[in-house]
Structure formats: C-alpha cells, structure tokens
C-alpha cells in the first residue's frame, strides 16, 4: 500500500513538472513571436506549432491568446518586492518615486508588449469586475508602504492608505497608457512626477 502511494505521488509530481515546463515553453515562444511580429500578427496555431504542441493543448493552459498577456503582467508583478526592497531609505515620497521610477524602467524595456498587457489587464478587470492579480499586488505593495510610514510617524494622512495607493496606481497607469510613445524614460518620469505632485497634498497632511 505504501509503495502504491509513493508511486502515485511521484507520478503526480512528474505531471506537475511537465505542465510547468509546457507552460514555460508556450510563454517563451509566444513572447518571442510577439516581439518579432507584433501581438496582432501572431496566431494561436503558430504559437502551438513553434511550441511543439497541438492547438488543443494550448487551450488547456490559456483560454485565449489574450490570457498570455495577463500571464505576462502577473510575471512582471513578481518583481515588485525586489524593487521595494531596493529602496528602504529616504522619505516616503522619495521611496515611492524611486519605486515608480524602477517599475517605469522595467516597463520601457518591453514597452510595446507591456502596453498591450496593461490594456488587456484593464479590459479584463472591467469585463469580469475582478481586479487582476498584478494590479492588486501593485496596490497592496504601495498600501503597505503607506501604512508603515503612517505607523512610524513618517507620514501624516487623513486618507485611508488603500484609497491613496489606488490613486497612485491610477496615476502610474494613466502615465503609461496615455504617455506619448515618443517620450523617453526621463520625460515619462517627469510627467508622472507632476501628476503625483498634484495629488500628494491631498494624501499627506503637510
């Protein structure tokens, strides 16, 4: 009986490893094709062929091509903690600006593709009425940062930290989506900084 349980456990583990490997392959192939040809010009059939799987297998992992963009957005959101940990010094506003600058820099490395992921993330949120994982993580990270600053006395604010974090996320997304593609990182950062300055007095009682 023990041997049977062990065999079942091993087989289950191997299946999970294979599933993870297939998903990684699909994702890598798809993103390479998106960068080479543009998202709109890549088909599910092409992704499946390049990945060495049947078209039906693709749909076992992603319901449609757009879900690859959501997967990409969630993958990038995992970098959030690393970015926050790099900026532990300075005032709360300085830390926020450094964090947003780093995220902006990451975004601009793959701006065309990530712009699509942002649009798809927002569209999916509107359609399902559920906030996507990556936006939730972004907001929660900023909320935690604001709460810690309030508790330590580094920030005085009459506003709920969750609301303040949502406003900052909204400003950031607005800058990315509506910022001209011709703007470089410094120009986009300045645009973001001006918007944050407009609302900061409403967040901080200074």
Foldseek 3Di string as FASTA:
>chain_A
DVVVVVVVVVVVVVVVVVVVVLVVLLLVQLVVCCVVPNNVPDALCNSQVSSVHDSVVVCVPPVGPLVSLLVVLLVLLVCLVVLLVVQPDDALVVSVLSSLLVSLVVCVVPVRSNLSSLVSQVVVCVVVVNRRPSLVSQLVVQLVSVVVCVVVVSFDFPDRSSVVSVVLSVLSNCLSNVPDPPDDSVRSSVSSVVVCVVCVVNGGVD
